[in-house]
Protein backbone atom coordinates (compact mmCIF):
# COMPACT_ATOMS: atom_id res chain seq x y z
CA MET A 1 111.52 100.17 119.12
CA LYS A 2 109.90 100.38 115.68
CA ASN A 3 111.20 103.93 115.19
CA THR A 4 114.89 103.09 115.54
CA ILE A 5 117.18 103.60 112.55
CA PHE A 6 117.87 99.87 112.55
CA ASN A 7 114.20 98.99 112.15
CA ARG A 8 113.59 101.67 109.54
CA PHE A 9 116.24 100.34 107.16
CA THR A 10 115.98 96.61 107.82
CA PRO A 11 113.66 94.79 105.40
CA LYS A 12 110.64 93.30 107.12
CA GLU A 13 109.44 89.79 106.32
CA VAL A 14 106.34 89.86 104.12
CA LYS A 15 105.58 86.14 104.38
CA PHE A 16 102.82 86.84 106.92
CA TYR A 17 100.61 88.69 104.43
CA PRO A 18 99.85 85.73 102.12
CA LEU A 19 99.29 83.53 105.18
CA PHE A 20 96.65 85.91 106.55
CA LYS A 21 95.10 86.13 103.09
CA LYS A 22 94.96 82.33 102.84
CA LEU A 23 93.43 82.10 106.32
CA SER A 24 90.72 84.60 105.34
CA GLU A 25 89.94 82.58 102.19
CA VAL A 26 89.43 79.45 104.29
CA ILE A 27 87.11 81.39 106.61
CA ILE A 28 85.05 82.58 103.62
CA SER A 29 84.75 79.02 102.28
CA ALA A 30 83.61 77.74 105.68
CA ALA A 31 81.10 80.58 106.05
CA ASP A 32 79.63 79.76 102.62
CA LYS A 33 79.09 76.15 103.70
CA LEU A 34 77.49 77.23 106.98
CA LYS A 35 75.08 79.39 105.00
CA GLU A 36 74.16 76.33 102.92
CA CYS A 37 73.45 74.42 106.13
CA THR A 38 70.86 76.97 107.24
CA GLU A 39 69.02 76.90 103.93
CA THR A 40 67.66 73.38 104.46
CA SER A 41 66.32 71.14 107.20
CA ASN A 42 67.89 68.09 105.54
CA HIS A 43 70.06 66.45 108.20
CA GLU A 44 72.20 64.67 105.60
CA VAL A 45 73.15 68.04 104.12
CA HIS A 46 74.02 69.29 107.60
CA ALA A 47 76.22 66.27 108.27
CA ASP A 48 77.97 66.47 104.88
CA ASN A 49 78.62 70.20 105.16
CA TYR A 50 79.88 69.82 108.72
CA LYS A 51 82.53 67.38 107.48
CA ILE A 52 83.61 69.90 104.84
CA ILE A 53 83.68 72.74 107.38
CA LYS A 54 85.70 70.55 109.75
CA ASP A 55 88.29 70.13 107.00
CA PHE A 56 88.39 73.91 106.56
CA GLU A 57 88.87 74.26 110.31
CA ARG A 58 91.87 71.90 110.17
CA GLN A 59 93.32 73.91 107.27
CA GLY A 60 92.93 77.06 109.35
CA ASP A 61 94.73 75.44 112.27
CA LYS A 62 97.66 74.57 110.01
CA ILE A 63 97.88 78.11 108.65
CA SER A 64 97.72 79.59 112.15
CA HIS A 65 100.45 77.25 113.38
CA THR A 66 102.57 78.24 110.39
CA ILE A 67 102.15 81.90 111.35
CA PHE A 68 103.18 81.12 114.93
CA ASP A 69 106.20 79.13 113.73
CA GLU A 70 107.25 81.96 111.41
CA LEU A 71 107.01 84.39 114.32
CA ASN A 72 109.58 82.33 116.20
CA ARG A 73 111.93 82.31 113.20
CA THR A 74 111.51 85.90 112.01
CA PHE A 75 113.73 88.67 113.35
CA ILE A 76 111.94 91.71 111.90
CA THR A 77 108.15 91.51 111.59
CA PRO A 78 105.79 93.86 109.68
CA PHE A 79 104.12 94.86 112.95
CA ASP A 80 104.34 93.82 116.59
CA ARG A 81 104.68 90.10 117.23
CA GLU A 82 101.87 90.28 119.78
CA ASP A 83 99.54 91.81 117.20
CA ILE A 84 100.40 89.19 114.58
CA HIS A 85 99.88 86.40 117.10
CA GLU A 86 96.56 87.83 118.34
CA LEU A 87 95.26 88.45 114.82
CA ALA A 88 96.05 84.88 113.73
CA MET A 89 94.61 83.43 116.94
CA PHE A 90 91.28 85.24 116.70
CA MET A 91 90.90 84.66 112.95
CA ASP A 92 91.33 80.98 113.75
CA ASP A 93 88.71 81.38 116.49
CA VAL A 94 86.28 82.64 113.85
CA LEU A 95 86.77 79.36 112.00
CA ASP A 96 86.27 77.48 115.25
CA GLY A 97 82.98 79.31 115.77
CA ILE A 98 81.76 78.45 112.28
CA ASN A 99 82.78 74.83 112.82
CA SER A 100 81.05 74.72 116.20
CA SER A 101 77.85 76.14 114.72
CA ALA A 102 77.83 73.56 111.93
CA LYS A 103 78.60 70.80 114.43
CA ARG A 104 75.56 71.71 116.52
CA LEU A 105 73.34 71.68 113.45
CA ALA A 106 74.62 68.22 112.50
CA LEU A 107 74.43 66.71 115.98
CA TYR A 108 71.24 68.27 117.35
CA LYS A 109 69.16 67.64 114.21
CA PRO A 110 66.50 70.31 114.82
CA LYS A 111 63.10 69.66 113.30
CA SER A 112 63.27 72.88 111.28
CA ILE A 113 65.72 75.68 110.67
CA PRO A 114 64.37 79.12 111.66
CA LYS A 115 64.85 82.00 109.26
CA GLU A 116 66.96 83.74 111.91
CA ALA A 117 69.59 81.01 111.55
CA ALA A 118 69.90 81.83 107.86
CA GLN A 119 70.07 85.54 108.72
CA LEU A 120 72.91 84.96 111.19
CA ALA A 121 74.72 82.70 108.73
CA GLU A 122 74.48 85.44 106.10
CA LEU A 123 75.89 87.98 108.54
CA ILE A 124 78.78 85.61 109.29
CA ARG A 125 79.36 85.26 105.56
CA GLN A 126 79.37 89.03 105.11
CA ALA A 127 81.81 89.34 108.00
CA ALA A 128 84.05 86.69 106.44
CA LEU A 129 84.09 88.60 103.14
CA CYS A 130 85.01 91.72 105.10
CA LEU A 131 87.89 89.85 106.74
CA GLY A 132 89.05 88.88 103.28
CA LYS A 133 89.18 92.54 102.26
CA ILE A 134 91.11 93.42 105.43
CA ALA A 135 93.61 90.60 104.88
CA GLY A 136 94.11 91.75 101.30
CA GLU A 137 95.03 95.26 102.47
CA LEU A 138 97.40 94.39 105.33
CA GLU A 139 100.50 94.76 103.17
CA THR A 140 99.46 98.26 102.09
CA LEU A 141 97.96 99.24 105.43
CA LYS A 142 99.57 102.69 105.56
CA LYS A 143 98.18 103.61 102.14
CA LYS A 144 94.78 101.97 102.62
CA SER A 145 94.18 102.67 106.32
CA ALA A 146 90.95 104.62 105.65
CA ALA A 147 89.46 101.72 103.69
CA VAL A 148 90.51 99.21 106.34
CA ARG A 149 88.96 101.35 109.07
CA THR A 150 85.73 101.23 107.08
CA TYR A 151 85.90 97.43 106.95
CA CYS A 152 86.47 97.30 110.71
CA ALA A 153 83.47 99.56 111.26
CA GLU A 154 81.45 97.23 109.03
CA LEU A 155 82.39 94.30 111.27
CA HIS A 156 81.10 96.26 114.26
CA ASP A 157 77.84 96.96 112.43
CA ILE A 158 77.46 93.29 111.49
CA GLU A 159 77.90 92.27 115.13
CA ASN A 160 75.22 94.73 116.22
CA ARG A 161 72.82 93.40 113.61
CA ALA A 162 73.53 89.84 114.71
CA ASP A 163 72.73 90.83 118.31
CA ASP A 164 69.38 92.17 117.18
CA VAL A 165 68.57 89.03 115.19
CA TYR A 166 69.51 86.76 118.08
CA ASP A 167 67.69 88.77 120.75
CA PHE A 168 64.48 88.88 118.70
CA PHE A 169 64.77 85.16 117.98
CA VAL A 170 65.17 84.21 121.65
CA MET A 171 62.19 86.35 122.64
CA LYS A 172 60.04 84.72 119.95
CA LEU A 173 61.38 81.26 120.76
CA PHE A 174 60.32 81.41 124.41
CA GLU A 175 56.91 82.72 123.41
CA GLU A 176 56.14 80.21 120.66
CA GLU A 177 58.16 77.01 121.07
CA LYS A 178 56.32 74.45 123.20
CA ASP A 179 58.83 71.63 122.81
CA SER A 180 61.43 72.28 125.52
CA LEU A 181 64.04 70.04 123.90
CA GLU A 182 63.65 71.78 120.57
CA LEU A 183 63.88 75.12 122.34
CA ILE A 184 67.23 74.18 123.87
CA LYS A 185 68.57 72.88 120.55
CA LEU A 186 67.68 76.00 118.60
CA LYS A 187 68.87 78.40 121.27
CA GLU A 188 72.24 76.63 121.46
CA ILE A 189 72.72 76.64 117.68
CA LEU A 190 71.88 80.31 117.21
CA TYR A 191 73.84 81.36 120.29
CA GLU A 192 76.96 79.78 118.80
CA MET A 193 76.39 81.64 115.55
CA GLU A 194 75.85 84.97 117.30
CA LYS A 195 78.98 84.38 119.39
CA THR A 196 80.95 83.91 116.16
CA THR A 197 80.04 87.44 115.07
CA ASP A 198 81.38 88.69 118.42
CA ILE A 199 84.74 87.10 117.62
CA VAL A 200 84.80 88.63 114.15
CA GLU A 201 84.14 92.06 115.64
CA TYR A 202 87.12 91.57 117.95
CA VAL A 203 89.30 90.83 114.93
CA GLY A 204 88.29 94.26 113.68
CA LYS A 205 89.38 95.79 116.99
CA ILE A 206 92.79 94.11 116.68
CA VAL A 207 93.22 95.52 113.18
CA THR A 208 92.14 98.98 114.38
CA THR A 209 94.84 98.81 117.04
CA ILE A 210 97.42 97.90 114.38
CA ILE A 211 96.30 100.89 112.30
CA VAL A 212 96.74 103.24 115.26
CA LYS A 213 100.29 101.94 115.77
CA TYR A 214 101.49 101.81 112.19
CA ALA A 215 99.27 103.77 109.85
């Protein structure tokens, strides 16, 4: 369909690009706040930052819904509707993961924050910055496909590193933590953070698929 003469000479709507860029900026802001949460054991800081992250999550929902609404109103899209929908949905899921991680920190009130939590939060922040770079290159994807592939590969590497951090943490947790309630709290918090890196990696896979189709 995309190779028909009609599609080649019909202008495609570019309104999606700034929406994806804005969504990535919200993700970065939320990831920065999550990183702040893991740098202290102060429960007031956790609660305050969770409220801020929750606001970012609501902003992300609005942007995602705008993208979905624009899909219904737009005749010619920059790339397949399914790809646009999936990309917006999973970028929003990244925000949900960050929000869920911050929520667990605020509600569970662990006695201390392990260094692995800060390491995972930093990896999420790096992944968010990578998403920002990808979103900034979507409009010039054909010209910048090599760079975007590199960013997608970086997301895969970040996810692998997060797996290692989480696996080592769980092994150490079961060996050293004697308080069963604290063990459950910490495992739940770090699991949610590691799961967020899985979602970010999948965003990279979606973008790689788009590159294969269009670049």
